[in-house]
Amino acid sequence: MSIETTESLLNRFDYAYERTSEHIEIKLGLGLRITVDFSQPEKVIIKEELTTWNFLTGTLDMSLNRGIIFNFIATFVISGLIFIGFYQQDHITPLIMLVVFIFIVLLWSNFYLVKAEHMKQTLRRWNEN
């Protein structure tokens, strides 16, 4: 996998990216960014991360996997607080809110995972030759 080949194909297909000496940072939109590290010619490292103002982690920068774990923990903590707030008056409303929170986390996690994995596979396929 070479940095020149990758850069020329990114230009050809009009991807937004930034190149430093040994890295290419591809911006995929909605706060998702793929970083390709070419510093070791025998082993190219591809990492995905979420930048600020994305739908999964909000204003926090973190890797995609950490963002998903963070979101599931936050969902259950917030849901627990909602259950405590409603105490014994109403159990349906917090249960519906929990299901909605889980659905939103799963939806955005899937979106970001599929988008990142698709770009990784595209990069690998481009550089097979």
N, C-alpha and C. Protein backbone atom coordinates (compact mmCIF):
# COMPACT_ATOMS: atom_id res chain seq x y z
N MET A 1 0.85 -1.17 0.00
CA MET A 1 0.00 0.00 0.00
C MET A 1 0.90 1.23 0.00
N SER A 2 0.73 2.11 -0.98
CA SER A 2 1.57 3.30 -1.05
C SER A 2 0.74 4.55 -0.86
N ILE A 3 1.39 5.55 -0.33
CA ILE A 3 0.70 6.80 -0.03
C ILE A 3 0.35 7.56 -1.31
N GLU A 4 1.20 7.45 -2.32
CA GLU A 4 0.95 8.15 -3.59
C GLU A 4 -0.26 7.56 -4.31
N THR A 5 -0.36 6.22 -4.34
CA THR A 5 -1.50 5.56 -4.97
C THR A 5 -2.79 5.93 -4.27
N THR A 6 -2.77 5.88 -2.97
CA THR A 6 -3.96 6.22 -2.18
C THR A 6 -4.36 7.66 -2.41
N GLU A 7 -3.39 8.55 -2.42
CA GLU A 7 -3.70 9.97 -2.62
C GLU A 7 -4.27 10.24 -4.00
N SER A 8 -3.71 9.61 -5.01
CA SER A 8 -4.23 9.83 -6.37
C SER A 8 -5.66 9.31 -6.52
N LEU A 9 -5.96 8.18 -5.90
CA LEU A 9 -7.32 7.65 -5.98
C LEU A 9 -8.30 8.49 -5.16
N LEU A 10 -7.86 9.02 -4.04
CA LEU A 10 -8.72 9.92 -3.27
C LEU A 10 -9.04 11.18 -4.07
N ASN A 11 -8.04 11.70 -4.78
CA ASN A 11 -8.28 12.85 -5.66
C ASN A 11 -9.23 12.49 -6.79
N ARG A 12 -9.02 11.34 -7.35
CA ARG A 12 -9.84 10.90 -8.49
C ARG A 12 -11.32 10.79 -8.12
N PHE A 13 -11.60 10.28 -6.93
CA PHE A 13 -12.99 10.10 -6.51
C PHE A 13 -13.48 11.23 -5.59
N ASP A 14 -12.71 12.32 -5.53
CA ASP A 14 -13.12 13.55 -4.87
C ASP A 14 -13.45 13.39 -3.39
N TYR A 15 -12.58 12.72 -2.66
CA TYR A 15 -12.71 12.62 -1.20
C TYR A 15 -12.01 13.82 -0.56
N ALA A 16 -12.54 14.29 0.56
CA ALA A 16 -11.88 15.35 1.32
C ALA A 16 -10.84 14.69 2.22
N TYR A 17 -9.60 15.12 2.10
CA TYR A 17 -8.53 14.53 2.91
C TYR A 17 -7.43 15.55 3.14
N GLU A 18 -6.58 15.24 4.11
CA GLU A 18 -5.38 16.03 4.38
C GLU A 18 -4.20 15.06 4.47
N ARG A 19 -3.10 15.47 3.86
CA ARG A 19 -1.92 14.61 3.88
C ARG A 19 -0.80 15.30 4.65
N THR A 20 -0.20 14.54 5.56
CA THR A 20 1.03 14.97 6.19
C THR A 20 2.12 14.08 5.59
N SER A 21 3.30 14.10 6.13
CA SER A 21 4.40 13.35 5.51
C SER A 21 4.13 11.85 5.45
N GLU A 22 3.61 11.26 6.51
CA GLU A 22 3.40 9.81 6.55
C GLU A 22 1.95 9.41 6.81
N HIS A 23 1.03 10.38 6.86
CA HIS A 23 -0.36 10.08 7.21
C HIS A 23 -1.31 10.71 6.19
N ILE A 24 -2.43 10.05 5.98
CA ILE A 24 -3.54 10.64 5.24
C ILE A 24 -4.76 10.58 6.15
N GLU A 25 -5.41 11.71 6.30
CA GLU A 25 -6.61 11.80 7.13
C GLU A 25 -7.79 12.07 6.20
N ILE A 26 -8.70 11.10 6.09
CA ILE A 26 -9.84 11.18 5.19
C ILE A 26 -11.06 11.58 5.99
N LYS A 27 -11.71 12.64 5.56
CA LYS A 27 -12.91 13.12 6.26
C LYS A 27 -14.14 12.59 5.53
N LEU A 28 -14.90 11.76 6.24
CA LEU A 28 -16.06 11.11 5.64
C LEU A 28 -17.38 11.80 5.96
N GLY A 29 -17.36 12.88 6.67
CA GLY A 29 -18.57 13.62 6.98
C GLY A 29 -19.24 13.13 8.26
N LEU A 30 -20.10 13.98 8.81
CA LEU A 30 -20.84 13.70 10.04
C LEU A 30 -19.93 13.33 11.20
N GLY A 31 -18.73 13.91 11.21
CA GLY A 31 -17.82 13.71 12.33
C GLY A 31 -16.98 12.44 12.28
N LEU A 32 -16.98 11.73 11.17
CA LEU A 32 -16.18 10.51 11.06
C LEU A 32 -14.93 10.79 10.23
N ARG A 33 -13.80 10.29 10.73
CA ARG A 33 -12.54 10.51 10.05
C ARG A 33 -11.72 9.21 10.09
N ILE A 34 -11.10 8.87 8.97
CA ILE A 34 -10.24 7.69 8.86
C ILE A 34 -8.80 8.19 8.71
N THR A 35 -7.91 7.66 9.53
CA THR A 35 -6.49 8.02 9.44
C THR A 35 -5.71 6.80 8.98
N VAL A 36 -4.94 6.99 7.91
CA VAL A 36 -4.10 5.92 7.36
C VAL A 36 -2.65 6.29 7.63
N ASP A 37 -1.96 5.42 8.37
CA ASP A 37 -0.58 5.67 8.78
C ASP A 37 0.35 4.83 7.90
N PHE A 38 1.17 5.51 7.09
CA PHE A 38 2.10 4.84 6.18
C PHE A 38 3.53 4.87 6.71
N SER A 39 3.74 5.13 8.00
CA SER A 39 5.09 5.26 8.53
C SER A 39 5.88 3.95 8.49
N GLN A 40 5.19 2.81 8.55
CA GLN A 40 5.84 1.51 8.43
C GLN A 40 5.42 0.89 7.10
N PRO A 41 6.32 0.78 6.14
CA PRO A 41 5.93 0.29 4.80
C PRO A 41 5.36 -1.13 4.80
N GLU A 42 5.80 -1.97 5.71
CA GLU A 42 5.32 -3.36 5.73
C GLU A 42 3.99 -3.50 6.46
N LYS A 43 3.61 -2.48 7.24
CA LYS A 43 2.37 -2.56 8.01
C LYS A 43 1.68 -1.20 8.02
N VAL A 44 0.63 -1.08 7.22
CA VAL A 44 -0.13 0.16 7.16
C VAL A 44 -1.26 0.08 8.19
N ILE A 45 -1.39 1.12 9.00
CA ILE A 45 -2.39 1.15 10.07
C ILE A 45 -3.53 2.07 9.65
N ILE A 46 -4.76 1.53 9.72
CA ILE A 46 -5.96 2.30 9.39
C ILE A 46 -6.79 2.40 10.66
N LYS A 47 -7.05 3.66 11.10
CA LYS A 47 -7.82 3.89 12.32
C LYS A 47 -9.00 4.79 12.00
N GLU A 48 -10.12 4.53 12.68
CA GLU A 48 -11.28 5.40 12.53
C GLU A 48 -11.51 6.13 13.85
N GLU A 49 -11.95 7.38 13.75
CA GLU A 49 -12.24 8.14 14.96
C GLU A 49 -13.36 9.12 14.69
N LEU A 50 -14.03 9.48 15.77
CA LEU A 50 -15.11 10.44 15.72
C LEU A 50 -14.60 11.79 16.20
N THR A 51 -14.86 12.83 15.44
CA THR A 51 -14.45 14.17 15.84
C THR A 51 -15.62 14.86 16.55
N THR A 52 -15.41 16.08 16.97
CA THR A 52 -16.47 16.78 17.69
C THR A 52 -17.68 17.01 16.80
N TRP A 53 -18.81 17.16 17.43
CA TRP A 53 -20.10 17.40 16.80
C TRP A 53 -20.51 16.28 15.87
N ASN A 54 -20.53 15.08 16.40
CA ASN A 54 -21.08 13.95 15.68
C ASN A 54 -22.29 13.44 16.45
N PHE A 55 -23.05 12.55 15.84
CA PHE A 55 -24.30 12.12 16.44
C PHE A 55 -24.13 11.04 17.51
N LEU A 56 -22.94 10.49 17.64
CA LEU A 56 -22.73 9.41 18.59
C LEU A 56 -22.12 9.89 19.91
N THR A 57 -21.10 10.75 19.84
CA THR A 57 -20.44 11.19 21.06
C THR A 57 -20.60 12.67 21.34
N GLY A 58 -21.28 13.38 20.48
CA GLY A 58 -21.51 14.80 20.72
C GLY A 58 -20.26 15.62 20.55
N THR A 59 -19.80 16.23 21.64
CA THR A 59 -18.64 17.14 21.56
C THR A 59 -17.32 16.46 21.92
N LEU A 60 -17.32 15.17 22.13
CA LEU A 60 -16.11 14.46 22.54
C LEU A 60 -15.42 13.83 21.33
N ASP A 61 -14.09 13.92 21.31
CA ASP A 61 -13.29 13.22 20.30
C ASP A 61 -12.88 11.87 20.87
N MET A 62 -13.14 10.80 20.14
CA MET A 62 -12.70 9.48 20.57
C MET A 62 -12.79 8.51 19.41
N SER A 63 -12.20 7.33 19.60
CA SER A 63 -12.27 6.31 18.56
C SER A 63 -13.71 5.80 18.45
N LEU A 64 -14.01 5.19 17.35
CA LEU A 64 -15.36 4.71 17.10
C LEU A 64 -15.78 3.66 18.12
N ASN A 65 -14.91 2.71 18.41
CA ASN A 65 -15.24 1.66 19.39
C ASN A 65 -15.48 2.24 20.78
N ARG A 66 -14.63 3.16 21.20
CA ARG A 66 -14.83 3.79 22.51
C ARG A 66 -16.12 4.60 22.53
N GLY A 67 -16.45 5.24 21.42
CA GLY A 67 -17.68 6.01 21.33
C GLY A 67 -18.91 5.14 21.49
N ILE A 68 -18.89 3.96 20.91
CA ILE A 68 -20.02 3.04 21.03
C ILE A 68 -20.15 2.56 22.47
N ILE A 69 -19.04 2.19 23.08
CA ILE A 69 -19.08 1.73 24.48
C ILE A 69 -19.54 2.87 25.39
N PHE A 70 -19.00 4.05 25.18
CA PHE A 70 -19.40 5.22 25.96
C PHE A 70 -20.90 5.47 25.85
N ASN A 71 -21.44 5.34 24.65
CA ASN A 71 -22.86 5.60 24.44
C ASN A 71 -23.74 4.58 25.13
N PHE A 72 -23.36 3.31 25.09
CA PHE A 72 -24.17 2.30 25.77
C PHE A 72 -24.15 2.49 27.28
N ILE A 73 -23.00 2.83 27.84
CA ILE A 73 -22.94 3.09 29.28
C ILE A 73 -23.77 4.33 29.62
N ALA A 74 -23.62 5.39 28.84
CA ALA A 74 -24.38 6.62 29.10
C ALA A 74 -25.88 6.38 28.96
N THR A 75 -26.29 5.55 28.03
CA THR A 75 -27.71 5.25 27.85
C THR A 75 -28.29 4.60 29.10
N PHE A 76 -27.58 3.64 29.65
CA PHE A 76 -28.09 2.96 30.84
C PHE A 76 -28.02 3.85 32.08
N VAL A 77 -27.03 4.70 32.18
CA VAL A 77 -26.96 5.63 33.31
C VAL A 77 -28.11 6.64 33.23
N ILE A 78 -28.31 7.21 32.07
CA ILE A 78 -29.41 8.19 31.90
C ILE A 78 -30.76 7.51 32.12
N SER A 79 -30.90 6.30 31.61
CA SER A 79 -32.16 5.58 31.81
C SER A 79 -32.39 5.28 33.28
N GLY A 80 -31.35 4.93 34.00
CA GLY A 80 -31.49 4.69 35.44
C GLY A 80 -31.93 5.95 36.17
N LEU A 81 -31.36 7.08 35.77
CA LEU A 81 -31.78 8.35 36.39
C LEU A 81 -33.23 8.68 36.06
N ILE A 82 -33.64 8.35 34.85
CA ILE A 82 -35.04 8.59 34.47
C ILE A 82 -35.96 7.68 35.27
N PHE A 83 -35.58 6.41 35.46
CA PHE A 83 -36.39 5.50 36.27
C PHE A 83 -36.51 6.00 37.70
N ILE A 84 -35.41 6.52 38.25
CA ILE A 84 -35.44 7.05 39.61
C ILE A 84 -36.34 8.29 39.67
N GLY A 85 -36.28 9.11 38.62
CA GLY A 85 -37.10 10.31 38.58
C GLY A 85 -38.59 10.01 38.53
N PHE A 86 -38.95 8.95 37.86
CA PHE A 86 -40.36 8.59 37.77
C PHE A 86 -40.79 7.69 38.93
N TYR A 87 -39.83 7.20 39.68
CA TYR A 87 -40.01 6.35 40.85
C TYR A 87 -41.09 5.29 40.62
N GLN A 88 -42.18 5.30 41.34
CA GLN A 88 -43.19 4.25 41.16
C GLN A 88 -44.46 4.78 40.50
N GLN A 89 -44.44 5.97 40.01
CA GLN A 89 -45.63 6.54 39.42
C GLN A 89 -45.94 5.96 38.05
N ASP A 90 -44.91 5.89 37.21
CA ASP A 90 -45.12 5.50 35.82
C ASP A 90 -43.90 4.72 35.35
N HIS A 91 -44.10 3.48 34.90
CA HIS A 91 -42.98 2.69 34.41
C HIS A 91 -42.94 2.60 32.90
N ILE A 92 -44.02 2.96 32.24
CA ILE A 92 -44.08 2.86 30.78
C ILE A 92 -43.24 3.95 30.13
N THR A 93 -43.34 5.16 30.59
CA THR A 93 -42.61 6.28 29.98
C THR A 93 -41.10 6.06 30.03
N PRO A 94 -40.50 5.73 31.17
CA PRO A 94 -39.05 5.51 31.16
C PRO A 94 -38.65 4.29 30.33
N LEU A 95 -39.51 3.30 30.26
CA LEU A 95 -39.21 2.13 29.44
C LEU A 95 -39.20 2.50 27.96
N ILE A 96 -40.14 3.31 27.55
CA ILE A 96 -40.18 3.78 26.16
C ILE A 96 -38.95 4.63 25.86
N MET A 97 -38.58 5.49 26.81
CA MET A 97 -37.39 6.33 26.62
C MET A 97 -36.13 5.48 26.51
N LEU A 98 -36.03 4.43 27.31
CA LEU A 98 -34.88 3.52 27.24
C LEU A 98 -34.81 2.85 25.87
N VAL A 99 -35.93 2.38 25.38
CA VAL A 99 -35.96 1.73 24.07
C VAL A 99 -35.58 2.73 22.97
N VAL A 100 -36.06 3.95 23.08
CA VAL A 100 -35.72 4.98 22.09
C VAL A 100 -34.23 5.29 22.14
N PHE A 101 -33.67 5.46 23.34
CA PHE A 101 -32.23 5.72 23.48
C PHE A 101 -31.41 4.58 22.87
N ILE A 102 -31.78 3.36 23.18
CA ILE A 102 -31.05 2.20 22.64
C ILE A 102 -31.16 2.15 21.13
N PHE A 103 -32.34 2.44 20.59
CA PHE A 103 -32.53 2.44 19.15
C PHE A 103 -31.64 3.50 18.48
N ILE A 104 -31.59 4.69 19.06
CA ILE A 104 -30.77 5.76 18.48
C ILE A 104 -29.29 5.39 18.52
N VAL A 105 -28.83 4.83 19.64
CA VAL A 105 -27.42 4.44 19.75
C VAL A 105 -27.10 3.34 18.74
N LEU A 106 -27.98 2.36 18.60
CA LEU A 106 -27.75 1.29 17.62
C LEU A 106 -27.76 1.81 16.20
N LEU A 107 -28.67 2.71 15.90
CA LEU A 107 -28.77 3.28 14.56
C LEU A 107 -27.49 4.02 14.17
N TRP A 108 -27.05 4.93 15.02
CA TRP A 108 -25.85 5.70 14.70
C TRP A 108 -24.58 4.86 14.78
N SER A 109 -24.53 3.90 15.69
CA SER A 109 -23.36 3.00 15.76
C SER A 109 -23.24 2.21 14.47
N ASN A 110 -24.34 1.67 14.01
CA ASN A 110 -24.34 0.93 12.76
C ASN A 110 -23.93 1.82 11.60
N PHE A 111 -24.47 3.02 11.54
CA PHE A 111 -24.14 3.94 10.45
C PHE A 111 -22.64 4.20 10.39
N TYR A 112 -22.05 4.57 11.53
CA TYR A 112 -20.62 4.87 11.56
C TYR A 112 -19.76 3.63 11.31
N LEU A 113 -20.15 2.48 11.86
CA LEU A 113 -19.38 1.26 11.64
C LEU A 113 -19.38 0.85 10.17
N VAL A 114 -20.53 0.90 9.55
CA VAL A 114 -20.64 0.51 8.13
C VAL A 114 -19.85 1.48 7.26
N LYS A 115 -19.98 2.77 7.53
CA LYS A 115 -19.27 3.77 6.74
C LYS A 115 -17.75 3.62 6.88
N ALA A 116 -17.27 3.41 8.10
CA ALA A 116 -15.83 3.25 8.33
C ALA A 116 -15.31 1.96 7.70
N GLU A 117 -16.03 0.88 7.87
CA GLU A 117 -15.58 -0.40 7.32
C GLU A 117 -15.59 -0.38 5.79
N HIS A 118 -16.57 0.29 5.22
CA HIS A 118 -16.63 0.40 3.76
C HIS A 118 -15.41 1.16 3.24
N MET A 119 -15.03 2.23 3.92
CA MET A 119 -13.86 3.00 3.49
C MET A 119 -12.58 2.20 3.68
N LYS A 120 -12.47 1.46 4.76
CA LYS A 120 -11.29 0.61 4.96
C LYS A 120 -11.17 -0.43 3.84
N GLN A 121 -12.27 -1.08 3.50
CA GLN A 121 -12.25 -2.08 2.43
C GLN A 121 -11.91 -1.43 1.09
N THR A 122 -12.41 -0.23 0.85
CA THR A 122 -12.10 0.48 -0.39
C THR A 122 -10.61 0.79 -0.46
N LEU A 123 -10.03 1.24 0.64
CA LEU A 123 -8.59 1.54 0.66
C LEU A 123 -7.77 0.27 0.42
N ARG A 124 -8.17 -0.82 1.02
CA ARG A 124 -7.44 -2.08 0.81
C ARG A 124 -7.55 -2.55 -0.63
N ARG A 125 -8.74 -2.43 -1.20
CA ARG A 125 -8.95 -2.87 -2.59
C ARG A 125 -8.17 -2.01 -3.56
N TRP A 126 -8.12 -0.70 -3.33
CA TRP A 126 -7.36 0.20 -4.20
C TRP A 126 -5.89 -0.16 -4.21
N ASN A 127 -5.36 -0.60 -3.09
CA ASN A 127 -3.92 -0.80 -2.97
C ASN A 127 -3.50 -2.26 -3.09
N GLU A 128 -4.39 -3.12 -3.56
CA GLU A 128 -4.01 -4.53 -3.76
C GLU A 128 -3.03 -4.68 -4.93
N ASN A 129 -3.17 -3.87 -5.93
CA ASN A 129 -2.35 -4.04 -7.14
C ASN A 129 -0.92 -3.66 -6.92
